[in-house]
Amino acid sequence: MNFISRIFSTATIQQIDPGQVQDRMTQTPRPFLLDVRQPIEYREGHISGAELISLDELPGKISRLPKDRELICICQSGSRSSAAARQLNAAGYTTLNLRGGMTAWRRAGLPVKKGMGR
């Protein structure tokens, strides 16, 4: 399966709600939070501890991601992160997608960190 097919495949990606993400962040091992937005979006507000690797950079940086932890993919609305989760699933990672993305996270009143630091 080529790169484009992996990104746009119709494979079902498990969705997770903001409150569930917050609950999982207290578990051990803690899931790896992967923010696939652009740097300007990340700087304007992200989940504390999330690592930024934009969707277009993901193929070249996939080896940086841990295979021994669950990955939670995050974007603004849940669309780009779904594409990232499909790509990562095809590469053997265990992924979840933040349903509604950062928009849903903010609507739930959950904390947002500003700036480029994780």
Protein backbone atom coordinates (compact mmCIF):
# COMPACT_ATOMS: atom_id res chain seq x y z
CA MET A 1 0.00 0.00 0.00
CA ASN A 2 1.49 3.35 -0.98
CA PHE A 3 1.70 6.45 1.21
CA ILE A 4 -1.39 8.16 -0.24
CA SER A 5 -3.47 5.00 0.08
CA ARG A 6 -2.47 4.65 3.73
CA ILE A 7 -3.46 8.22 4.54
CA PHE A 8 -6.83 8.07 2.82
CA SER A 9 -7.77 4.47 3.54
CA THR A 10 -11.20 3.87 4.98
CA ALA A 11 -9.87 1.82 7.91
CA THR A 12 -11.76 2.59 11.09
CA ILE A 13 -9.77 4.66 13.54
CA GLN A 14 -10.70 4.44 17.20
CA GLN A 15 -11.95 7.81 18.45
CA ILE A 16 -11.46 9.15 21.97
CA ASP A 17 -13.23 12.09 23.62
CA PRO A 18 -11.37 14.92 25.39
CA GLY A 19 -12.35 13.73 28.88
CA GLN A 20 -11.11 10.23 28.07
CA VAL A 21 -7.79 11.66 26.89
CA GLN A 22 -7.43 13.57 30.13
CA ASP A 23 -8.18 10.37 32.12
CA ARG A 24 -5.62 8.35 30.14
CA MET A 25 -2.96 10.98 30.78
CA THR A 26 -3.00 9.93 34.45
CA GLN A 27 -2.37 6.26 33.61
CA THR A 28 0.92 4.41 33.40
CA PRO A 29 2.28 4.20 30.86
CA ARG A 30 1.06 7.59 29.78
CA PRO A 31 -0.02 7.75 26.13
CA PHE A 32 2.15 9.66 23.69
CA LEU A 33 0.34 12.81 22.53
CA LEU A 34 1.08 13.61 18.90
CA ASP A 35 -0.07 16.99 17.59
CA VAL A 36 -0.06 16.98 13.78
CA ARG A 37 -1.02 20.63 13.22
CA GLN A 38 1.19 23.39 11.90
CA PRO A 39 3.57 25.21 14.29
CA ILE A 40 1.46 28.39 14.37
CA GLU A 41 -1.60 26.39 15.46
CA TYR A 42 0.41 24.54 18.11
CA ARG A 43 1.87 27.81 19.44
CA GLU A 44 -1.65 29.26 19.81
CA GLY A 45 -2.62 26.42 22.15
CA HIS A 46 -1.94 22.71 22.62
CA ILE A 47 -2.35 19.96 25.19
CA SER A 48 0.50 20.05 27.67
CA GLY A 49 3.02 17.35 26.86
CA ALA A 50 1.97 16.97 23.22
CA GLU A 51 4.78 16.68 20.70
CA LEU A 52 4.42 18.61 17.46
CA ILE A 53 5.11 16.75 14.23
CA SER A 54 2.99 18.25 11.46
CA LEU A 55 1.16 15.82 9.20
CA ASP A 56 3.35 16.69 6.21
CA GLU A 57 6.52 15.93 8.25
CA LEU A 58 5.22 12.70 9.76
CA PRO A 59 6.55 10.25 7.14
CA GLY A 60 10.12 11.46 7.70
CA LYS A 61 9.86 11.53 11.49
CA ILE A 62 7.81 8.40 12.17
CA SER A 63 10.83 6.60 13.62
CA ARG A 64 10.87 9.13 16.51
CA LEU A 65 7.57 7.76 17.83
CA PRO A 66 7.40 5.08 20.51
CA LYS A 67 5.89 1.75 19.44
CA ASP A 68 5.51 0.57 23.04
CA ARG A 69 2.92 3.22 23.98
CA GLU A 70 -0.50 4.18 22.74
CA LEU A 71 -0.40 7.25 20.48
CA ILE A 72 -3.18 9.83 20.64
CA CYS A 73 -3.29 11.92 17.47
CA ILE A 74 -4.46 15.53 17.74
CA CYS A 75 -5.27 18.29 15.25
CA GLN A 76 -7.71 21.20 15.19
CA SER A 77 -10.87 19.30 14.21
CA GLY A 78 -9.96 15.61 14.10
CA SER A 79 -9.49 15.32 10.33
CA ARG A 80 -5.71 15.58 9.93
CA SER A 81 -5.21 13.53 13.06
CA SER A 82 -7.43 10.77 11.61
CA ALA A 83 -5.17 10.70 8.55
CA ALA A 84 -2.12 10.51 10.82
CA ALA A 85 -3.68 7.71 12.87
CA ARG A 86 -4.43 5.68 9.70
CA GLN A 87 -0.83 6.14 8.54
CA LEU A 88 0.56 5.15 11.92
CA ASN A 89 -1.76 2.14 12.23
CA ALA A 90 -0.51 0.92 8.86
CA ALA A 91 3.05 1.21 10.22
CA GLY A 92 2.22 -0.93 13.26
CA TYR A 93 1.47 1.71 15.90
CA THR A 94 -1.50 1.64 18.29
CA THR A 95 -3.37 4.89 17.79
CA LEU A 96 -6.42 6.78 18.91
CA ASN A 97 -7.81 9.99 17.42
CA LEU A 98 -8.98 12.92 19.55
CA ARG A 99 -12.58 13.28 18.36
CA GLY A 100 -13.22 16.92 17.49
CA GLY A 101 -9.56 17.83 17.99
CA MET A 102 -8.48 20.92 19.89
CA THR A 103 -11.84 22.53 19.18
CA ALA A 104 -13.55 19.84 21.29
CA TRP A 105 -10.77 20.01 23.90
CA ARG A 106 -11.33 23.75 24.37
CA ARG A 107 -15.13 23.36 24.40
CA ALA A 108 -14.74 20.83 27.22
CA GLY A 109 -12.91 23.54 29.20
CA LEU A 110 -9.72 21.52 29.45
CA PRO A 111 -6.33 23.20 29.94
CA VAL A 112 -4.40 24.55 26.97
CA LYS A 113 -0.72 25.45 26.95
CA LYS A 114 0.47 28.31 24.74
CA GLY A 115 3.86 28.65 23.10
CA MET A 116 6.18 26.12 21.54
CA GLY A 117 7.21 24.25 24.70
CA ARG A 118 5.68 20.87 25.38
